[in-house]
Amino acid sequence: MQYLTLDTPAGLIGAWRADPAIPPKGGIVVVQEVFGVNRHIRLLVERFSAHGFVAIAPALFDVFGPRIELDYDQDGVQRGLALVQDLGFERALEMVNAAAGALSGSVGKTGVVGYCWGGSVALLANTRLGLPAVGYYGGRSMGFLHERQRAPLMLHFGEHDPIIPPADVQAHREALPEAQVFVYDAGHGFNCEERKDYDESAAQLALQRTLRFFEQALHP
C-alpha cells in the first residue's frame, strides 16, 4: 500500500492506495467513517486489493489538517461529527470524484464503497456522480432518498442499529426499488473490528455480497 497526494477542488489531500497482484477487476474508492482514514479504513483498502481491485481511500479530513485519525470513543465521535459537519457532503463528493478520476483510464470502471457517514457519501456518489456504490449503515441518507439512483447500488444495514431504525431501512427499499438492500442480525458498525458492535459473520457475508456486486458492476 502506498501513500500519495490527490489534487482535488477542495485542495491537496492525502490518500492510501493498494494495487492487486493480478490484473485489476476495477477500482474502488473507499470512503471513511467520521473517524478518518484510520487503521480500519486502511485495512479495507488492503482487503479490496487482495480480492483483485485497485482500492484508494482519500483522506477527506486533510482539509482540516494532516492525517486526522480519531478513536472509537465519545470524544472521537463528537470531534468526528463536528468535522463532517464542517466538511459537508459537497466537498466530500468532490474529493471522492477526484479519487475516482485518479484511477480512471488504468483500471477500467470505478465504484465507491462507504461506511457509516461514508455510506451516505457513497449513496450520493451514485445519485450525483453516477458511480456504482455500496453503502454500509449510512445513517444520514434519509434526506437524500428523493434523488434518483443512476448506477447499480447495494446497501447494508444492521437490524439492531439504534441510529437507523427499521422504518428508515424500509424507506430506502421503497425509495430505491432497484437497489439491493440487506439487513443483518447486528448493530451499527458491524463491519469494523474495532467497534463493540463488530459481528464477524455479518461482516463476512456483507463482504462476499459487496465483492460480487463490484465484480458484476465494474467488470461485467
Protein backbone atom coordinates (compact mmCIF):
# COMPACT_ATOMS: atom_id res chain seq x y z
CA MET A 1 0.00 0.00 0.00
CA GLN A 2 1.25 3.47 -0.84
CA TYR A 3 0.51 6.96 0.42
CA LEU A 4 0.00 9.56 -2.28
CA THR A 5 -1.32 13.08 -2.84
CA LEU A 6 -4.54 13.90 -4.67
CA ASP A 7 -5.28 17.24 -6.30
CA THR A 8 -8.96 17.99 -5.63
CA PRO A 9 -11.23 21.06 -5.93
CA ALA A 10 -11.02 21.26 -2.14
CA GLY A 11 -7.20 21.34 -2.24
CA LEU A 12 -4.41 18.80 -1.96
CA ILE A 13 -5.21 15.83 0.25
CA GLY A 14 -3.56 12.52 1.03
CA ALA A 15 -4.82 9.09 0.06
CA TRP A 16 -3.92 5.46 0.65
CA ARG A 17 -3.85 3.20 -2.42
CA ALA A 18 -3.28 -0.52 -2.84
CA ASP A 19 -2.93 -2.39 -6.14
CA PRO A 20 -3.64 -6.09 -6.60
CA ALA A 21 -1.05 -8.61 -7.72
CA ILE A 22 -3.31 -9.61 -10.63
CA PRO A 23 -4.83 -7.58 -13.48
CA PRO A 24 -7.40 -5.40 -11.69
CA LYS A 25 -11.10 -6.15 -11.79
CA GLY A 26 -11.78 -2.42 -11.44
CA GLY A 27 -11.24 0.41 -9.00
CA ILE A 28 -12.91 1.09 -5.64
CA VAL A 29 -12.90 4.37 -3.73
CA VAL A 30 -13.20 3.59 -0.01
CA VAL A 31 -14.96 6.36 1.94
CA GLN A 32 -14.14 6.75 5.60
CA GLU A 33 -16.31 6.90 8.69
CA VAL A 34 -16.31 10.01 10.87
CA PHE A 35 -13.05 8.73 12.40
CA GLY A 36 -10.82 9.50 9.40
CA VAL A 37 -8.67 7.20 7.29
CA ASN A 38 -7.61 5.15 10.28
CA ARG A 39 -6.29 1.62 10.64
CA HIS A 40 -9.70 0.12 9.91
CA ILE A 41 -10.11 2.01 6.63
CA ARG A 42 -6.56 1.21 5.55
CA LEU A 43 -7.25 -2.46 6.28
CA LEU A 44 -10.29 -2.29 3.99
CA VAL A 45 -8.15 -0.79 1.22
CA GLU A 46 -5.77 -3.73 1.52
CA ARG A 47 -8.65 -6.19 1.70
CA PHE A 48 -10.24 -4.99 -1.54
CA SER A 49 -6.83 -5.04 -3.20
CA ALA A 50 -6.31 -8.64 -2.07
CA HIS A 51 -9.55 -9.51 -3.86
CA GLY A 52 -8.35 -8.04 -7.16
CA PHE A 53 -9.39 -4.39 -7.10
CA VAL A 54 -7.32 -1.21 -7.09
CA ALA A 55 -8.53 0.49 -3.91
CA ILE A 56 -7.98 4.07 -2.77
CA ALA A 57 -9.12 5.89 0.37
CA PRO A 58 -8.98 9.69 0.12
CA ALA A 59 -8.25 11.37 3.45
CA LEU A 60 -11.23 13.70 3.49
CA PHE A 61 -10.24 15.35 6.78
CA ASP A 62 -6.94 16.55 5.32
CA VAL A 63 -8.63 19.87 4.51
CA PHE A 64 -8.50 20.48 8.29
CA GLY A 65 -5.06 19.04 8.97
CA PRO A 66 -2.83 16.09 8.02
CA ARG A 67 -3.65 12.52 8.97
CA ILE A 68 -6.51 13.04 11.38
CA GLU A 69 -7.38 9.70 12.97
CA LEU A 70 -9.90 9.54 15.80
CA ASP A 71 -10.58 6.90 18.42
CA TYR A 72 -13.82 4.92 18.68
CA ASP A 73 -14.87 6.66 21.86
CA GLN A 74 -17.20 9.51 22.79
CA ASP A 75 -14.55 12.17 22.22
CA GLY A 76 -13.76 10.70 18.81
CA VAL A 77 -17.43 10.59 17.87
CA GLN A 78 -18.03 14.20 18.90
CA ARG A 79 -14.98 15.53 17.08
CA GLY A 80 -15.72 13.42 14.01
CA LEU A 81 -19.30 14.66 13.84
CA ALA A 82 -18.10 18.24 14.05
CA LEU A 83 -15.57 17.65 11.26
CA VAL A 84 -18.08 16.11 8.85
CA GLN A 85 -20.48 18.95 9.61
CA ASP A 86 -17.78 21.46 8.65
CA LEU A 87 -16.72 19.41 5.63
CA GLY A 88 -20.16 18.95 4.11
CA PHE A 89 -21.27 16.42 1.53
CA GLU A 90 -20.45 18.61 -1.48
CA ARG A 91 -16.74 18.86 -0.68
CA ALA A 92 -16.63 15.20 0.25
CA LEU A 93 -18.09 14.28 -3.14
CA GLU A 94 -15.56 16.49 -4.91
CA MET A 95 -12.75 14.57 -3.24
CA VAL A 96 -14.34 11.18 -3.92
CA ASN A 97 -14.74 12.17 -7.57
CA ALA A 98 -11.08 13.20 -7.70
CA ALA A 99 -10.05 9.84 -6.24
CA ALA A 100 -12.18 8.02 -8.82
CA GLY A 101 -10.63 10.16 -11.55
CA ALA A 102 -7.14 9.23 -10.36
CA LEU A 103 -8.00 5.59 -11.11
CA SER A 104 -9.83 6.11 -14.39
CA GLY A 105 -8.09 5.03 -17.55
CA SER A 106 -5.92 2.44 -15.81
CA VAL A 107 -8.34 0.11 -14.03
CA GLY A 108 -11.49 0.15 -16.13
CA LYS A 109 -14.63 1.14 -14.25
CA THR A 110 -14.58 2.52 -10.71
CA GLY A 111 -17.10 2.26 -7.89
CA VAL A 112 -17.45 3.58 -4.35
CA VAL A 113 -17.92 1.88 -1.00
CA GLY A 114 -18.54 3.86 2.17
CA TYR A 115 -19.07 3.17 5.86
CA CYS A 116 -21.29 4.98 8.38
CA TRP A 117 -21.13 8.66 7.32
CA GLY A 118 -19.20 7.43 4.28
CA GLY A 119 -22.11 5.14 3.47
CA SER A 120 -24.23 8.23 2.83
CA VAL A 121 -21.41 9.73 0.75
CA ALA A 122 -21.40 6.51 -1.30
CA LEU A 123 -25.15 6.85 -1.92
CA LEU A 124 -24.61 10.39 -3.18
CA ALA A 125 -21.72 9.22 -5.37
CA ASN A 126 -24.32 7.01 -7.04
CA THR A 127 -27.11 9.57 -7.41
CA ARG A 128 -24.92 12.57 -8.26
CA LEU A 129 -21.79 11.11 -9.87
CA GLY A 130 -23.38 8.05 -11.46
CA LEU A 131 -20.93 5.61 -9.86
CA PRO A 132 -21.76 2.04 -8.77
CA ALA A 133 -21.86 2.19 -4.99
CA VAL A 134 -22.16 0.15 -1.82
CA GLY A 135 -23.20 1.84 1.41
CA TYR A 136 -22.77 0.34 4.87
CA TYR A 137 -25.14 1.70 7.55
CA GLY A 138 -25.34 5.20 6.10
CA GLY A 139 -27.20 7.00 8.85
CA ARG A 140 -27.55 10.31 7.02
CA SER A 141 -29.14 9.07 3.81
CA MET A 142 -32.77 9.72 4.68
CA GLY A 143 -32.60 13.29 3.44
CA PHE A 144 -31.43 12.17 0.01
CA LEU A 145 -33.92 9.42 -0.77
CA HIS A 146 -35.70 11.68 -3.26
CA GLU A 147 -32.62 11.50 -5.52
CA ARG A 148 -32.65 9.07 -8.43
CA GLN A 149 -30.41 6.01 -8.50
CA ARG A 150 -28.08 6.29 -11.51
CA ALA A 151 -25.98 3.12 -11.27
CA PRO A 152 -26.02 -0.26 -9.50
CA LEU A 153 -26.48 0.22 -5.76
CA MET A 154 -26.18 -2.04 -2.71
CA LEU A 155 -26.95 -1.08 0.89
CA HIS A 156 -26.13 -2.93 4.14
CA PHE A 157 -27.87 -2.29 7.46
CA GLY A 158 -27.87 -3.77 10.96
CA GLU A 159 -31.23 -4.86 12.32
CA HIS A 160 -30.33 -3.59 15.81
CA ASP A 161 -28.81 -0.27 14.71
CA PRO A 162 -30.06 2.45 17.12
CA ILE A 163 -29.20 5.12 14.55
CA ILE A 164 -31.12 3.60 11.63
CA PRO A 165 -34.48 2.15 12.73
CA PRO A 166 -36.34 -0.46 10.65
CA ALA A 167 -38.69 2.22 9.29
CA ASP A 168 -35.72 4.03 7.76
CA VAL A 169 -34.47 0.83 6.14
CA GLN A 170 -37.92 0.28 4.69
CA ALA A 171 -37.89 3.85 3.38
CA HIS A 172 -34.70 3.02 1.47
CA ARG A 173 -36.36 -0.06 -0.06
CA GLU A 174 -39.35 1.97 -1.18
CA ALA A 175 -37.42 4.96 -2.50
CA LEU A 176 -34.74 2.87 -4.23
CA PRO A 177 -36.60 -0.18 -5.57
CA GLU A 178 -33.75 -1.20 -7.88
CA ALA A 179 -31.16 -1.23 -5.10
CA GLN A 180 -30.07 -4.40 -3.32
CA VAL A 181 -30.83 -3.87 0.38
CA PHE A 182 -29.63 -6.32 3.02
CA VAL A 183 -30.28 -6.39 6.77
CA TYR A 184 -28.12 -8.34 9.22
CA ASP A 185 -28.66 -9.56 12.78
CA ALA A 186 -26.20 -6.96 14.01
CA GLY A 187 -25.86 -3.39 15.24
CA HIS A 188 -24.30 -0.23 13.86
CA GLY A 189 -20.71 -0.52 12.66
CA PHE A 190 -20.86 -4.31 12.42
CA ASN A 191 -18.14 -4.35 9.78
CA CYS A 192 -15.47 -2.71 11.94
CA GLU A 193 -13.29 -4.95 14.09
CA GLU A 194 -12.54 -2.04 16.41
CA ARG A 195 -16.16 -1.33 17.31
CA LYS A 196 -18.04 -3.12 20.07
CA ASP A 197 -20.81 -3.91 17.56
CA TYR A 198 -18.44 -5.84 15.29
CA ASP A 199 -20.09 -9.03 14.04
CA GLU A 200 -17.79 -11.36 12.15
CA SER A 201 -20.49 -13.41 10.44
CA ALA A 202 -22.39 -10.33 9.27
CA ALA A 203 -19.17 -8.64 8.14
CA GLN A 204 -18.07 -11.66 6.11
CA LEU A 205 -21.45 -12.10 4.44
CA ALA A 206 -21.65 -8.41 3.60
CA LEU A 207 -18.12 -8.53 2.18
CA GLN A 208 -18.97 -11.51 -0.04
CA ARG A 209 -22.01 -9.68 -1.38
CA THR A 210 -20.02 -6.48 -1.87
CA LEU A 211 -17.25 -8.25 -3.78
CA ARG A 212 -19.76 -10.00 -6.02
CA PHE A 213 -21.52 -6.67 -6.59
CA PHE A 214 -18.34 -4.93 -7.73
CA GLU A 215 -17.26 -7.88 -9.86
CA GLN A 216 -20.54 -7.60 -11.73
CA ALA A 217 -20.85 -3.81 -11.78
CA LEU A 218 -17.25 -2.99 -12.71
CA HIS A 219 -16.21 -5.96 -14.80
CA PRO A 220 -19.33 -7.40 -16.48
